[in-house]
Amino acid sequence: MRIAMGAGGEVLGTPMRPQDVVGDVVAAEAEGFGSAWTVHFSRGIDALSVLAVAGTRTSRIDLGVGIVPTYPRHPLALAQQAATAQAFCGGRLTLGVGVSHRPVIEDLHGLAYRQPAGHMRDYLSVLIPLLREGRVRYRGAFYQVDGGFTVPGTRPVSVLVGALSPLMVQAAGELADGVVTWLAGPRTLGEQIVPQLLRASAGPPEGRPAPRVVAALPVALSAARAASRQAADGVFARYAGFDNYRRLLDREGVQSPGALAVTGDEAAIEKQLRRLADAGVTELWPIIFPVGDDPGRSRRETRALLRALATAS
């Protein structure tokens, strides 16, 4: 299991300047991380634009965004933007897409949040051919597209789906390159998401690579595990208010996001990471959160541990 590094602070509720997010990516490459991930929030910066710049400032590190909401962006327009960003990233870009949440789509964007699984299947059926071949001809319930674009110097873009429900995982396995999850613990991943993803991806075309499973989770190095989980509950409390994550917490058998945080001393964290790897996770996207009276020190120590684990293999 590869250990990535997060860039930016939006998940923690601390938005950063686009230039500083690029700086996070540059620092992650210098520290030896193989990949860096950032989020795309509808109320924040445009992540693909930031990663395009980061691509020109780095040379080795893989770059990922999770996730770009689908409803507000036509798949041809998003494919065009991602293909352009890929030209700056030299083939190192991964695009995560997802349907977001009903309050975001209906209240912020004023769009109908209907049939999300069917919408995603149509969306991927347009997006992926465009990112692989530059053109598509597709007639579906949500999109009817016949055309394409040309971006000199680009390369195919790997597409992951923000998938938690069975129908969304099925679409990801059949049509995309894998899934990217947030707050899915080892129980949900190992017993539901990964097995279904593997089954769905086993069909044609033959010779497909194994699907990717990128799992984003809160991480903090701290011997005071109870205090760590309480801190995580404070930082990530808003996610428990979304229906999709509430159902996820129920499946995990926990009450709050803090119960899913990867925390403890070094041995405890390594044990939890092994459990995630055993569940089928191919890449961990750690969201480092502070614990205790010295937030800066807490984050530095957690990052140092993750750096050591990421570069050990």
C-alpha atoms as a PDB file:
ATOM      1  CA  MET A   1       0.000   0.000   0.000  1.00  0.00           C
ATOM      2  CA  ARG A   2       1.410   3.344  -1.048  1.00  0.00           C
ATOM      3  CA  ILE A   3       1.265   6.233   1.417  1.00  0.00           C
ATOM      4  CA  ALA A   4       0.485   9.568  -0.186  1.00  0.00           C
ATOM      5  CA  MET A   5       0.490  13.059   1.295  1.00  0.00           C
ATOM      6  CA  GLY A   6      -2.355  15.548   1.371  1.00  0.00           C
ATOM      7  CA  ALA A   7      -1.982  19.072   0.035  1.00  0.00           C
ATOM      8  CA  GLY A   8      -4.080  21.985   1.257  1.00  0.00           C
ATOM      9  CA  GLY A   9      -6.181  22.483   4.349  1.00  0.00           C
ATOM     10  CA  GLU A  10      -9.790  22.606   3.179  1.00  0.00           C
ATOM     11  CA  VAL A  11     -10.727  19.271   4.776  1.00  0.00           C
ATOM     12  CA  LEU A  12      -9.502  20.657   8.095  1.00  0.00           C
ATOM     13  CA  GLY A  13     -11.534  23.823   7.633  1.00  0.00           C
ATOM     14  CA  THR A  14      -8.443  25.970   6.993  1.00  0.00           C
ATOM     15  CA  PRO A  15      -8.467  27.120   3.339  1.00  0.00           C
ATOM     16  CA  MET A  16      -5.074  27.996   1.855  1.00  0.00           C
ATOM     17  CA  ARG A  17      -3.922  30.182  -1.009  1.00  0.00           C
ATOM     18  CA  PRO A  18      -3.505  28.253  -4.273  1.00  0.00           C
ATOM     19  CA  GLN A  19       0.218  29.089  -4.187  1.00  0.00           C
ATOM     20  CA  ASP A  20       0.543  27.477  -0.757  1.00  0.00           C
ATOM     21  CA  VAL A  21      -1.205  24.297  -1.910  1.00  0.00           C
ATOM     22  CA  VAL A  22       1.325  24.107  -4.739  1.00  0.00           C
ATOM     23  CA  GLY A  23       4.016  24.550  -2.085  1.00  0.00           C
ATOM     24  CA  ASP A  24       2.605  21.567  -0.207  1.00  0.00           C
ATOM     25  CA  VAL A  25       2.952  19.421  -3.337  1.00  0.00           C
ATOM     26  CA  VAL A  26       6.511  20.600  -3.942  1.00  0.00           C
ATOM     27  CA  ALA A  27       7.388  19.793  -0.316  1.00  0.00           C
ATOM     28  CA  ALA A  28       5.806  16.332  -0.575  1.00  0.00           C
ATOM     29  CA  GLU A  29       7.949  15.508  -3.601  1.00  0.00           C
ATOM     30  CA  ALA A  30      11.088  16.760  -1.851  1.00  0.00           C
ATOM     31  CA  GLU A  31      10.302  14.511   1.132  1.00  0.00           C
ATOM     32  CA  GLY A  32      10.041  11.441  -1.066  1.00  0.00           C
ATOM     33  CA  PHE A  33       6.278  10.859  -1.164  1.00  0.00           C
ATOM     34  CA  GLY A  34       5.166   9.140  -4.355  1.00  0.00           C
ATOM     35  CA  SER A  35       1.862  10.962  -4.642  1.00  0.00           C
ATOM     36  CA  ALA A  36       0.014  14.027  -3.369  1.00  0.00           C
ATOM     37  CA  TRP A  37      -3.736  14.558  -3.238  1.00  0.00           C
ATOM     38  CA  THR A  38      -5.863  17.646  -2.843  1.00  0.00           C
ATOM     39  CA  VAL A  39      -9.600  18.201  -2.549  1.00  0.00           C
ATOM     40  CA  HIS A  40     -11.985  20.179  -4.706  1.00  0.00           C
ATOM     41  CA  PHE A  41     -14.728  21.946  -2.766  1.00  0.00           C
ATOM     42  CA  SER A  42     -17.450  23.904  -4.532  1.00  0.00           C
ATOM     43  CA  ARG A  43     -16.819  26.794  -2.150  1.00  0.00           C
ATOM     44  CA  GLY A  44     -13.020  26.718  -2.503  1.00  0.00           C
ATOM     45  CA  ILE A  45     -10.236  26.849  -5.056  1.00  0.00           C
ATOM     46  CA  ASP A  46     -10.295  25.035  -8.381  1.00  0.00           C
ATOM     47  CA  ALA A  47      -8.111  22.003  -7.689  1.00  0.00           C
ATOM     48  CA  LEU A  48      -7.324  21.122 -11.303  1.00  0.00           C
ATOM     49  CA  SER A  49      -5.921  24.590 -11.918  1.00  0.00           C
ATOM     50  CA  VAL A  50      -3.749  24.236  -8.821  1.00  0.00           C
ATOM     51  CA  LEU A  51      -2.490  20.804  -9.870  1.00  0.00           C
ATOM     52  CA  ALA A  52      -1.656  22.085 -13.344  1.00  0.00           C
ATOM     53  CA  VAL A  53       0.664  24.619 -11.727  1.00  0.00           C
ATOM     54  CA  ALA A  54       2.017  21.987  -9.333  1.00  0.00           C
ATOM     55  CA  GLY A  55       2.770  19.811 -12.340  1.00  0.00           C
ATOM     56  CA  THR A  56       5.130  22.463 -13.688  1.00  0.00           C
ATOM     57  CA  ARG A  57       6.897  22.755 -10.315  1.00  0.00           C
ATOM     58  CA  THR A  58       7.480  19.011  -9.839  1.00  0.00           C
ATOM     59  CA  SER A  59       8.809  16.167 -11.935  1.00  0.00           C
ATOM     60  CA  ARG A  60       8.167  12.825 -10.203  1.00  0.00           C
ATOM     61  CA  ILE A  61       5.283  12.944  -7.771  1.00  0.00           C
ATOM     62  CA  ASP A  62       1.853  11.710  -8.895  1.00  0.00           C
ATOM     63  CA  LEU A  63      -0.939  14.260  -8.475  1.00  0.00           C
ATOM     64  CA  GLY A  64      -4.562  13.544  -7.616  1.00  0.00           C
ATOM     65  CA  VAL A  65      -7.781  15.418  -6.933  1.00  0.00           C
ATOM     66  CA  GLY A  66     -10.656  13.943  -5.026  1.00  0.00           C
ATOM     67  CA  ILE A  67     -13.313  14.751  -5.848  1.00  0.00           C
ATOM     68  CA  VAL A  68     -14.644  17.090  -8.543  1.00  0.00           C
ATOM     69  CA  PRO A  69     -18.469  17.195  -8.325  1.00  0.00           C
ATOM     70  CA  THR A  70     -20.094  16.017 -11.535  1.00  0.00           C
ATOM     71  CA  TYR A  71     -23.471  17.762 -11.609  1.00  0.00           C
ATOM     72  CA  PRO A  72     -22.117  21.335 -12.007  1.00  0.00           C
ATOM     73  CA  ARG A  73     -19.675  20.440 -14.821  1.00  0.00           C
ATOM     74  CA  HIS A  74     -20.539  18.964 -18.178  1.00  0.00           C
ATOM     75  CA  PRO A  75     -18.332  15.884 -18.708  1.00  0.00           C
ATOM     76  CA  LEU A  76     -16.905  17.251 -21.959  1.00  0.00           C
ATOM     77  CA  ALA A  77     -15.910  20.488 -20.225  1.00  0.00           C
ATOM     78  CA  LEU A  78     -14.318  18.616 -17.315  1.00  0.00           C
ATOM     79  CA  ALA A  79     -12.500  16.262 -19.686  1.00  0.00           C
ATOM     80  CA  GLN A  80     -11.113  19.234 -21.595  1.00  0.00           C
ATOM     81  CA  GLN A  81      -9.875  20.846 -18.364  1.00  0.00           C
ATOM     82  CA  ALA A  82      -8.381  17.609 -17.033  1.00  0.00           C
ATOM     83  CA  ALA A  83      -6.653  16.836 -20.328  1.00  0.00           C
ATOM     84  CA  THR A  84      -5.146  20.325 -20.311  1.00  0.00           C
ATOM     85  CA  ALA A  85      -3.973  19.928 -16.705  1.00  0.00           C
ATOM     86  CA  GLN A  86      -2.504  16.546 -17.646  1.00  0.00           C
ATOM     87  CA  ALA A  87      -0.353  18.225 -20.293  1.00  0.00           C
ATOM     88  CA  PHE A  88       1.219  20.303 -17.517  1.00  0.00           C
ATOM     89  CA  CYS A  89       1.519  17.276 -15.202  1.00  0.00           C
ATOM     90  CA  GLY A  90       3.343  15.095 -17.709  1.00  0.00           C
ATOM     91  CA  GLY A  91       0.985  12.151 -17.327  1.00  0.00           C
ATOM     92  CA  ARG A  92       0.990  12.157 -13.512  1.00  0.00           C
ATOM     93  CA  LEU A  93      -2.600  13.341 -12.936  1.00  0.00           C
ATOM     94  CA  THR A  94      -5.476  11.303 -11.475  1.00  0.00           C
ATOM     95  CA  LEU A  95      -8.980  12.752 -11.631  1.00  0.00           C
ATOM     96  CA  GLY A  96     -11.454  11.839  -8.929  1.00  0.00           C
ATOM     97  CA  VAL A  97     -15.129  12.539  -9.649  1.00  0.00           C
ATOM     98  CA  GLY A  98     -18.225  12.156  -7.524  1.00  0.00           C
ATOM     99  CA  VAL A  99     -21.824  13.234  -7.168  1.00  0.00           C
ATOM    100  CA  SER A 100     -21.147  15.251  -3.973  1.00  0.00           C
ATOM    101  CA  HIS A 101     -24.126  15.697  -1.618  1.00  0.00           C
ATOM    102  CA  ARG A 102     -27.714  16.797  -2.048  1.00  0.00           C
ATOM    103  CA  PRO A 103     -27.385  20.049  -0.022  1.00  0.00           C
ATOM    104  CA  VAL A 104     -24.336  21.094  -2.056  1.00  0.00           C
ATOM    105  CA  ILE A 105     -25.877  20.359  -5.447  1.00  0.00           C
ATOM    106  CA  GLU A 106     -29.412  21.573  -4.764  1.00  0.00           C
ATOM    107  CA  ASP A 107     -28.866  24.455  -2.318  1.00  0.00           C
ATOM    108  CA  LEU A 108     -25.536  25.879  -3.540  1.00  0.00           C
ATOM    109  CA  HIS A 109     -25.703  25.097  -7.258  1.00  0.00           C
ATOM    110  CA  GLY A 110     -29.469  25.049  -7.686  1.00  0.00           C
ATOM    111  CA  LEU A 111     -29.357  21.791  -9.648  1.00  0.00           C
ATOM    112  CA  ALA A 112     -31.513  18.683  -9.368  1.00  0.00           C
ATOM    113  CA  TYR A 113     -29.822  15.878  -7.428  1.00  0.00           C
ATOM    114  CA  ARG A 114     -31.632  12.975  -9.054  1.00  0.00           C
ATOM    115  CA  GLN A 115     -30.690   9.388  -9.811  1.00  0.00           C
ATOM    116  CA  PRO A 116     -27.059   9.852  -8.739  1.00  0.00           C
ATOM    117  CA  ALA A 117     -25.942   6.355  -9.758  1.00  0.00           C
ATOM    118  CA  GLY A 118     -27.533   6.610 -13.193  1.00  0.00           C
ATOM    119  CA  HIS A 119     -26.126  10.097 -13.609  1.00  0.00           C
ATOM    120  CA  MET A 120     -22.637   8.805 -12.741  1.00  0.00           C
ATOM    121  CA  ARG A 121     -22.826   5.974 -15.263  1.00  0.00           C
ATOM    122  CA  ASP A 122     -23.769   8.410 -18.019  1.00  0.00           C
ATOM    123  CA  TYR A 123     -21.103  10.845 -16.879  1.00  0.00           C
ATOM    124  CA  LEU A 124     -18.330   8.244 -16.946  1.00  0.00           C
ATOM    125  CA  SER A 125     -19.517   6.975 -20.318  1.00  0.00           C
ATOM    126  CA  VAL A 126     -18.770  10.426 -21.736  1.00  0.00           C
ATOM    127  CA  LEU A 127     -15.796  11.469 -19.606  1.00  0.00           C
ATOM    128  CA  ILE A 128     -13.572   8.408 -19.854  1.00  0.00           C
ATOM    129  CA  PRO A 129     -13.529   7.956 -23.644  1.00  0.00           C
ATOM    130  CA  LEU A 130     -12.734  11.650 -23.975  1.00  0.00           C
ATOM    131  CA  LEU A 131      -9.804  11.347 -21.566  1.00  0.00           C
ATOM    132  CA  ARG A 132      -8.507   8.205 -23.264  1.00  0.00           C
ATOM    133  CA  GLU A 133      -9.192   8.880 -26.924  1.00  0.00           C
ATOM    134  CA  GLY A 134     -10.165  12.543 -27.234  1.00  0.00           C
ATOM    135  CA  ARG A 135     -13.650  11.919 -28.588  1.00  0.00           C
ATOM    136  CA  VAL A 136     -16.921  10.171 -27.772  1.00  0.00           C
ATOM    137  CA  ARG A 137     -20.309   9.368 -29.246  1.00  0.00           C
ATOM    138  CA  TYR A 138     -22.828   8.604 -26.546  1.00  0.00           C
ATOM    139  CA  ARG A 139     -26.585   8.826 -26.093  1.00  0.00           C
ATOM    140  CA  GLY A 140     -27.846   8.400 -22.561  1.00  0.00           C
ATOM    141  CA  ALA A 141     -30.585   9.598 -20.241  1.00  0.00           C
ATOM    142  CA  PHE A 142     -28.518  12.482 -18.879  1.00  0.00           C
ATOM    143  CA  TYR A 143     -26.028  13.276 -21.639  1.00  0.00           C
ATOM    144  CA  GLN A 144     -25.986  13.079 -25.429  1.00  0.00           C
ATOM    145  CA  VAL A 145     -22.521  13.908 -26.718  1.00  0.00           C
ATOM    146  CA  ASP A 146     -20.959  13.485 -30.148  1.00  0.00           C
ATOM    147  CA  GLY A 147     -17.559  15.109 -30.484  1.00  0.00           C
ATOM    148  CA  GLY A 148     -14.266  15.735 -28.787  1.00  0.00           C
ATOM    149  CA  PHE A 149     -11.256  18.006 -28.507  1.00  0.00           C
ATOM    150  CA  THR A 150      -7.544  18.118 -29.153  1.00  0.00           C
ATOM    151  CA  VAL A 151      -5.000  18.911 -26.426  1.00  0.00           C
ATOM    152  CA  PRO A 152      -1.476  18.521 -27.826  1.00  0.00           C
ATOM    153  CA  GLY A 153       0.947  16.981 -25.351  1.00  0.00           C
ATOM    154  CA  THR A 154      -1.636  15.427 -23.060  1.00  0.00           C
ATOM    155  CA  ARG A 155      -1.888  11.777 -22.025  1.00  0.00           C
ATOM    156  CA  PRO A 156      -4.770   9.568 -20.827  1.00  0.00           C
ATOM    157  CA  VAL A 157      -6.035  10.506 -17.358  1.00  0.00           C
ATOM    158  CA  SER A 158      -6.792   7.887 -14.731  1.00  0.00           C
ATOM    159  CA  VAL A 159     -10.320   8.367 -13.360  1.00  0.00           C
ATOM    160  CA  LEU A 160     -11.465   7.288  -9.895  1.00  0.00           C
ATOM    161  CA  VAL A 161     -14.979   7.544  -8.516  1.00  0.00           C
ATOM    162  CA  GLY A 162     -15.919   8.813  -5.092  1.00  0.00           C
ATOM    163  CA  ALA A 163     -17.922   5.697  -4.289  1.00  0.00           C
ATOM    164  CA  LEU A 164     -19.496   4.470  -1.064  1.00  0.00           C
ATOM    165  CA  SER A 165     -22.836   2.961  -2.141  1.00  0.00           C
ATOM    166  CA  PRO A 166     -23.077  -0.407  -3.944  1.00  0.00           C
ATOM    167  CA  LEU A 167     -24.425   1.154  -7.160  1.00  0.00           C
ATOM    168  CA  MET A 168     -21.626   3.714  -7.272  1.00  0.00           C
ATOM    169  CA  VAL A 169     -18.955   1.084  -6.603  1.00  0.00           C
ATOM    170  CA  GLN A 170     -20.449  -1.027  -9.396  1.00  0.00           C
ATOM    171  CA  ALA A 171     -20.183   1.878 -11.831  1.00  0.00           C
ATOM    172  CA  ALA A 172     -16.615   2.554 -10.755  1.00  0.00           C
ATOM    173  CA  GLY A 173     -15.616  -1.072 -11.282  1.00  0.00           C
ATOM    174  CA  GLU A 174     -17.205  -1.377 -14.695  1.00  0.00           C
ATOM    175  CA  LEU A 175     -16.299   1.995 -16.173  1.00  0.00           C
ATOM    176  CA  ALA A 176     -13.463   3.687 -14.244  1.00  0.00           C
ATOM    177  CA  ASP A 177     -10.032   2.849 -12.818  1.00  0.00           C
ATOM    178  CA  GLY A 178     -11.099   2.453  -9.200  1.00  0.00           C
ATOM    179  CA  VAL A 179     -12.464   4.376  -6.240  1.00  0.00           C
ATOM    180  CA  VAL A 180     -11.413   7.113  -3.876  1.00  0.00           C
ATOM    181  CA  THR A 181     -13.106   7.130  -0.458  1.00  0.00           C
ATOM    182  CA  TRP A 182     -13.273   9.414   2.550  1.00  0.00           C
ATOM    183  CA  LEU A 183     -13.962   8.073   6.053  1.00  0.00           C
ATOM    184  CA  ALA A 184     -14.447   4.494   4.873  1.00  0.00           C
ATOM    185  CA  GLY A 185     -12.849   2.265   7.476  1.00  0.00           C
ATOM    186  CA  PRO A 186     -11.416  -1.237   7.142  1.00  0.00           C
ATOM    187  CA  ARG A 187     -14.772  -2.917   7.738  1.00  0.00           C
ATOM    188  CA  THR A 188     -16.582  -1.127   4.912  1.00  0.00           C
ATOM    189  CA  LEU A 189     -13.569  -1.356   2.611  1.00  0.00           C
ATOM    190  CA  GLY A 190     -12.721  -4.982   3.271  1.00  0.00           C
ATOM    191  CA  GLU A 191     -16.215  -6.415   3.472  1.00  0.00           C
ATOM    192  CA  GLN A 192     -18.124  -4.308   0.948  1.00  0.00           C
ATOM    193  CA  ILE A 193     -16.340  -1.797  -1.275  1.00  0.00           C
ATOM    194  CA  VAL A 194     -13.235  -3.744  -2.336  1.00  0.00           C
ATOM    195  CA  PRO A 195     -14.935  -7.117  -2.985  1.00  0.00           C
ATOM    196  CA  GLN A 196     -17.674  -5.492  -5.044  1.00  0.00           C
ATOM    197  CA  LEU A 197     -15.170  -3.365  -6.931  1.00  0.00           C
ATOM    198  CA  LEU A 198     -13.098  -6.426  -7.817  1.00  0.00           C
ATOM    199  CA  ARG A 199     -16.159  -8.305  -9.026  1.00  0.00           C
ATOM    200  CA  ALA A 200     -17.345  -5.376 -11.125  1.00  0.00           C
ATOM    201  CA  SER A 201     -13.938  -4.850 -12.705  1.00  0.00           C
ATOM    202  CA  ALA A 202     -13.500  -8.506 -13.632  1.00  0.00           C
ATOM    203  CA  GLY A 203     -15.582  -8.191 -16.790  1.00  0.00           C
ATOM    204  CA  PRO A 204     -14.453  -7.041 -20.235  1.00  0.00           C
ATOM    205  CA  PRO A 205     -12.209  -5.700 -21.558  1.00  0.00           C
ATOM    206  CA  GLU A 206      -9.707  -8.394 -20.647  1.00  0.00           C
ATOM    207  CA  GLY A 207      -6.284  -7.408 -19.400  1.00  0.00           C
ATOM    208  CA  ARG A 208      -7.490  -4.421 -17.390  1.00  0.00           C
ATOM    209  CA  PRO A 209      -5.175  -3.482 -14.535  1.00  0.00           C
ATOM    210  CA  ALA A 210      -6.381  -4.164 -11.008  1.00  0.00           C
ATOM    211  CA  PRO A 211      -8.615  -1.341  -9.773  1.00  0.00           C
ATOM    212  CA  ARG A 212      -7.132   1.319  -7.561  1.00  0.00           C
ATOM    213  CA  VAL A 213      -8.496   1.889  -4.044  1.00  0.00           C
ATOM    214  CA  VAL A 214      -7.455   5.239  -2.601  1.00  0.00           C
ATOM    215  CA  ALA A 215      -8.662   5.646   0.983  1.00  0.00           C
ATOM    216  CA  ALA A 216      -8.572   9.042   2.669  1.00  0.00           C
ATOM    217  CA  LEU A 217      -8.655   8.947   6.473  1.00  0.00           C
ATOM    218  CA  PRO A 218      -7.761  11.235   9.385  1.00  0.00           C
ATOM    219  CA  VAL A 219      -4.313  10.411  10.802  1.00  0.00           C
ATOM    220  CA  ALA A 220      -2.516  11.632  13.933  1.00  0.00           C
ATOM    221  CA  LEU A 221       0.459  10.254  15.852  1.00  0.00           C
ATOM    222  CA  SER A 222      -0.427  10.392  19.536  1.00  0.00           C
ATOM    223  CA  ALA A 223      -0.226   7.966  22.424  1.00  0.00           C
ATOM    224  CA  ALA A 224      -3.405   9.545  23.846  1.00  0.00           C
ATOM    225  CA  ARG A 225      -5.825   7.732  21.560  1.00  0.00           C
ATOM    226  CA  ALA A 226      -8.969   8.871  23.354  1.00  0.00           C
ATOM    227  CA  ALA A 227      -7.881  12.502  23.107  1.00  0.00           C
ATOM    228  CA  SER A 228      -6.953  11.983  19.461  1.00  0.00           C
ATOM    229  CA  ARG A 229     -10.350  10.621  18.578  1.00  0.00           C
ATOM    230  CA  GLN A 230     -12.006  13.483  20.438  1.00  0.00           C
ATOM    231  CA  ALA A 231      -9.873  15.956  18.488  1.00  0.00           C
ATOM    232  CA  ALA A 232     -10.846  14.266  15.224  1.00  0.00           C
ATOM    233  CA  ASP A 233     -14.513  14.502  16.179  1.00  0.00           C
ATOM    234  CA  GLY A 234     -14.103  18.237  16.584  1.00  0.00           C
ATOM    235  CA  VAL A 235     -12.252  18.780  13.299  1.00  0.00           C
ATOM    236  CA  PHE A 236     -14.418  16.525  11.128  1.00  0.00           C
ATOM    237  CA  ALA A 237     -17.788  16.845  12.875  1.00  0.00           C
ATOM    238  CA  ARG A 238     -19.505  18.400   9.847  1.00  0.00           C
ATOM    239  CA  TYR A 239     -19.191  15.198   7.838  1.00  0.00           C
ATOM    240  CA  ALA A 240     -21.495  13.338  10.189  1.00  0.00           C
ATOM    241  CA  GLY A 241     -24.249  15.692   9.036  1.00  0.00           C
ATOM    242  CA  PHE A 242     -24.237  14.413   5.435  1.00  0.00           C
ATOM    243  CA  ASP A 243     -26.529  11.480   4.715  1.00  0.00           C
ATOM    244  CA  ASN A 244     -23.889   9.602   2.697  1.00  0.00           C
ATOM    245  CA  TYR A 245     -21.385   9.711   5.555  1.00  0.00           C
ATOM    246  CA  ARG A 246     -24.026   9.034   8.198  1.00  0.00           C
ATOM    247  CA  ARG A 247     -24.875   5.787   6.438  1.00  0.00           C
ATOM    248  CA  LEU A 248     -21.160   5.009   6.209  1.00  0.00           C
ATOM    249  CA  LEU A 249     -20.662   5.527   9.946  1.00  0.00           C
ATOM    250  CA  ASP A 250     -23.624   3.249  10.608  1.00  0.00           C
ATOM    251  CA  ARG A 251     -22.100   0.516   8.431  1.00  0.00           C
ATOM    252  CA  GLU A 252     -18.837   0.841  10.344  1.00  0.00           C
ATOM    253  CA  GLY A 253     -20.734   0.557  13.621  1.00  0.00           C
ATOM    254  CA  VAL A 254     -19.422   3.859  14.997  1.00  0.00           C
ATOM    255  CA  GLN A 255     -21.042   7.093  16.081  1.00  0.00           C
ATOM    256  CA  SER A 256     -18.628   9.737  14.840  1.00  0.00           C
ATOM    257  CA  PRO A 257     -15.716  10.368  12.424  1.00  0.00           C
ATOM    258  CA  GLY A 258     -13.176  10.269  15.234  1.00  0.00           C
ATOM    259  CA  ALA A 259     -13.745   6.543  15.702  1.00  0.00           C
ATOM    260  CA  LEU A 260     -12.363   5.978  12.190  1.00  0.00           C
ATOM    261  CA  ALA A 261      -9.202   8.046  12.667  1.00  0.00           C
ATOM    262  CA  VAL A 262      -5.864   6.259  12.315  1.00  0.00           C
ATOM    263  CA  THR A 263      -4.197   7.221  15.572  1.00  0.00           C
ATOM    264  CA  GLY A 264      -2.067   5.966  18.436  1.00  0.00           C
ATOM    265  CA  ASP A 265       1.670   5.477  18.843  1.00  0.00           C
ATOM    266  CA  GLU A 266       3.894   4.326  15.981  1.00  0.00           C
ATOM    267  CA  ALA A 267       3.161   0.647  16.505  1.00  0.00           C
ATOM    268  CA  ALA A 268      -0.585   1.234  16.673  1.00  0.00           C
ATOM    269  CA  ILE A 269      -0.589   3.283  13.475  1.00  0.00           C
ATOM    270  CA  GLU A 270       1.477   0.696  11.626  1.00  0.00           C
ATOM    271  CA  LYS A 271      -0.960  -2.000  12.740  1.00  0.00           C
ATOM    272  CA  GLN A 272      -3.933   0.019  11.458  1.00  0.00           C
ATOM    273  CA  LEU A 273      -2.200   0.636   8.142  1.00  0.00           C
ATOM    274  CA  ARG A 274      -1.554  -3.086   7.733  1.00  0.00           C
ATOM    275  CA  ARG A 275      -5.250  -3.723   8.319  1.00  0.00           C
ATOM    276  CA  LEU A 276      -6.125  -1.229   5.576  1.00  0.00           C
ATOM    277  CA  ALA A 277      -3.662  -2.873   3.205  1.00  0.00           C
ATOM    278  CA  ASP A 278      -5.124  -6.281   4.032  1.00  0.00           C
ATOM    279  CA  ALA A 279      -8.578  -4.869   3.244  1.00  0.00           C
ATOM    280  CA  GLY A 280      -7.412  -4.090  -0.287  1.00  0.00           C
ATOM    281  CA  VAL A 281      -6.455  -0.428  -0.060  1.00  0.00           C
ATOM    282  CA  THR A 282      -3.787   0.359  -2.653  1.00  0.00           C
ATOM    283  CA  GLU A 283      -3.068   3.908  -1.484  1.00  0.00           C
ATOM    284  CA  LEU A 284      -3.618   5.773   1.768  1.00  0.00           C
ATOM    285  CA  TRP A 285      -4.408   9.487   1.543  1.00  0.00           C
ATOM    286  CA  PRO A 286      -3.757  10.719   5.084  1.00  0.00           C
ATOM    287  CA  ILE A 287      -5.512  13.843   6.331  1.00  0.00           C
ATOM    288  CA  ILE A 288      -3.184  14.913   9.144  1.00  0.00           C
ATOM    289  CA  PHE A 289      -5.017  16.606  12.014  1.00  0.00           C
ATOM    290  CA  PRO A 290      -3.496  18.184  15.138  1.00  0.00           C
ATOM    291  CA  VAL A 291      -3.748  16.743  18.642  1.00  0.00           C
ATOM    292  CA  GLY A 292      -2.768  18.433  21.914  1.00  0.00           C
ATOM    293  CA  ASP A 293      -1.486  21.849  22.908  1.00  0.00           C
ATOM    294  CA  ASP A 294       1.131  22.171  20.163  1.00  0.00           C
ATOM    295  CA  PRO A 295      -0.668  21.693  16.818  1.00  0.00           C
ATOM    296  CA  GLY A 296       2.415  22.419  14.737  1.00  0.00           C
ATOM    297  CA  ARG A 297       4.518  19.828  16.517  1.00  0.00           C
ATOM    298  CA  SER A 298       1.704  17.277  16.329  1.00  0.00           C
ATOM    299  CA  ARG A 299       1.419  17.661  12.569  1.00  0.00           C
ATOM    300  CA  ARG A 300       5.188  17.564  12.053  1.00  0.00           C
ATOM    301  CA  GLU A 301       5.596  14.353  14.048  1.00  0.00           C
ATOM    302  CA  THR A 302       2.740  12.630  12.201  1.00  0.00           C
ATOM    303  CA  ARG A 303       4.134  13.710   8.850  1.00  0.00           C
ATOM    304  CA  ALA A 304       7.613  12.476   9.784  1.00  0.00           C
ATOM    305  CA  LEU A 305       6.228   9.038  10.624  1.00  0.00           C
ATOM    306  CA  LEU A 306       4.274   8.851   7.382  1.00  0.00           C
ATOM    307  CA  ARG A 307       7.340   9.975   5.435  1.00  0.00           C
ATOM    308  CA  ALA A 308       9.412   7.222   7.022  1.00  0.00           C
ATOM    309  CA  LEU A 309       6.779   4.606   6.225  1.00  0.00           C
ATOM    310  CA  ALA A 310       6.270   5.904   2.678  1.00  0.00           C
ATOM    311  CA  THR A 311       9.952   5.817   1.805  1.00  0.00           C
ATOM    312  CA  ALA A 312      10.802   2.552   3.609  1.00  0.00           C
ATOM    313  CA  SER A 313       9.784   0.280   0.745  1.00  0.00           C
END
